[in-house]
Amino acid sequence: MSPDSYEARLRAEGLQPSGWGNGPGDRYGDHAHDYDKVLVATSGSIVFHLTESGQDVELKEGQRLDLPAQTRHAASVGANGVSCLEAHLPAGSLAQPARYRPEW
């Protein structure tokens, strides 16, 4: 599937996604957001380290992670970099806890 197709699917859910990407090996330190976030990898891979549960979730192309507000997480970009679509929602819009959706 193409990045445009993933974007169309998110928009069909009423979401307003925007794109971002990082190079191989980039990292994000532990943090949380005050909004709910929907993430879809469109190429490459990234591992989200869910601090409180101790779970690591690797997103590859076409896979999705629903991340409720205040979910502490860090991230590590894979060897080929990553491109993602991301949409923000008001806190409380997504069910708790974080939900990995490999086939959505």
Protein backbone atom coordinates (compact mmCIF):
# COMPACT_ATOMS: atom_id res chain seq x y z
CA MET A 1 0.00 0.00 0.00
CA SER A 2 1.22 3.55 -0.61
CA PRO A 3 1.61 6.34 1.96
CA ASP A 4 -1.32 8.09 0.23
CA SER A 5 -3.51 5.04 0.87
CA TYR A 6 -2.63 5.02 4.57
CA GLU A 7 -3.39 8.73 4.73
CA ALA A 8 -6.74 8.19 3.02
CA ARG A 9 -7.65 5.47 5.54
CA LEU A 10 -6.84 7.77 8.46
CA ARG A 11 -8.79 10.64 6.91
CA ALA A 12 -11.76 8.28 6.42
CA GLU A 13 -11.71 7.87 10.22
CA GLY A 14 -11.97 11.65 10.59
CA LEU A 15 -8.28 12.08 11.48
CA GLN A 16 -5.96 14.80 10.15
CA PRO A 17 -2.57 13.05 9.72
CA SER A 18 0.75 14.70 9.03
CA GLY A 19 4.00 13.04 8.02
CA TRP A 20 7.43 12.89 9.61
CA GLY A 21 10.53 10.76 9.36
CA ASN A 22 13.86 10.03 10.98
CA GLY A 23 17.16 8.56 9.91
CA PRO A 24 18.60 5.19 10.91
CA GLY A 25 19.35 4.81 14.60
CA ASP A 26 17.70 8.07 15.71
CA ARG A 27 16.20 7.96 19.21
CA TYR A 28 13.59 9.77 21.24
CA GLY A 29 14.01 9.85 25.02
CA ASP A 30 11.27 8.90 27.47
CA HIS A 31 8.35 11.36 27.35
CA ALA A 32 4.55 11.65 27.27
CA HIS A 33 2.02 13.86 25.47
CA ASP A 34 -1.11 15.60 26.74
CA TYR A 35 -3.06 14.42 23.66
CA ASP A 36 -3.93 11.05 22.16
CA LYS A 37 -1.83 10.05 19.16
CA VAL A 38 -2.37 7.65 16.24
CA LEU A 39 0.80 6.56 14.44
CA VAL A 40 1.16 4.57 11.20
CA ALA A 41 4.53 3.58 9.73
CA THR A 42 4.58 4.16 5.97
CA SER A 43 8.14 2.89 5.39
CA GLY A 44 11.04 1.60 7.44
CA SER A 45 10.56 0.78 11.11
CA ILE A 46 10.54 2.25 14.61
CA VAL A 47 10.33 0.62 18.04
CA PHE A 48 8.23 2.36 20.68
CA HIS A 49 9.36 1.52 24.20
CA LEU A 50 6.27 1.74 26.43
CA THR A 51 7.90 2.65 29.72
CA GLU A 52 5.21 1.76 32.23
CA SER A 53 4.28 -1.64 30.75
CA GLY A 54 7.84 -2.53 29.76
CA GLN A 55 6.53 -3.47 26.31
CA ASP A 56 8.41 -2.78 23.07
CA VAL A 57 6.25 -2.32 19.97
CA GLU A 58 7.94 -2.36 16.57
CA LEU A 59 6.00 -0.58 13.84
CA LYS A 60 6.75 -1.59 10.26
CA GLU A 61 5.09 -0.38 7.08
CA GLY A 62 1.31 -0.41 7.38
CA GLN A 63 1.24 -1.04 11.11
CA ARG A 64 -0.47 1.25 13.59
CA LEU A 65 -0.10 2.26 17.24
CA ASP A 66 -2.85 4.10 19.15
CA LEU A 67 -1.12 5.93 22.00
CA PRO A 68 -3.37 7.46 24.68
CA ALA A 69 -2.38 10.73 26.34
CA GLN A 70 0.11 10.48 29.23
CA THR A 71 1.48 7.12 28.00
CA ARG A 72 5.20 7.33 28.75
CA HIS A 73 7.29 6.12 25.81
CA ALA A 74 10.64 6.35 24.09
CA ALA A 75 11.48 5.31 20.54
CA SER A 76 14.34 3.87 18.47
CA VAL A 77 14.40 4.15 14.68
CA GLY A 78 15.33 1.05 12.69
CA ALA A 79 18.35 0.47 10.46
CA ASN A 80 16.61 1.84 7.34
CA GLY A 81 15.07 4.92 8.93
CA VAL A 82 11.34 5.48 9.24
CA SER A 83 8.51 7.53 7.77
CA CYS A 84 5.24 7.81 9.67
CA LEU A 85 1.87 9.46 9.60
CA GLU A 86 0.67 10.89 12.90
CA ALA A 87 -2.68 12.28 13.97
CA HIS A 88 -3.57 13.95 17.28
CA LEU A 89 -6.85 13.65 19.15
CA PRO A 90 -8.12 15.20 22.37
CA ALA A 91 -7.00 13.30 25.47
CA GLY A 92 -9.44 10.52 26.30
CA SER A 93 -10.48 9.86 22.69
CA LEU A 94 -8.60 6.54 22.54
CA ALA A 95 -9.14 3.52 24.76
CA GLN A 96 -6.53 2.71 27.39
CA PRO A 97 -3.90 1.22 27.28
CA ALA A 98 -1.80 1.73 24.15
CA ARG A 99 -3.06 -0.48 21.32
CA TYR A 100 -0.79 -2.07 18.71
CA ARG A 101 -2.68 -2.72 15.48
CA PRO A 102 -0.42 -4.70 13.10
CA GLU A 103 -3.27 -5.33 10.65
CA TRP A 104 -5.73 -2.45 10.61
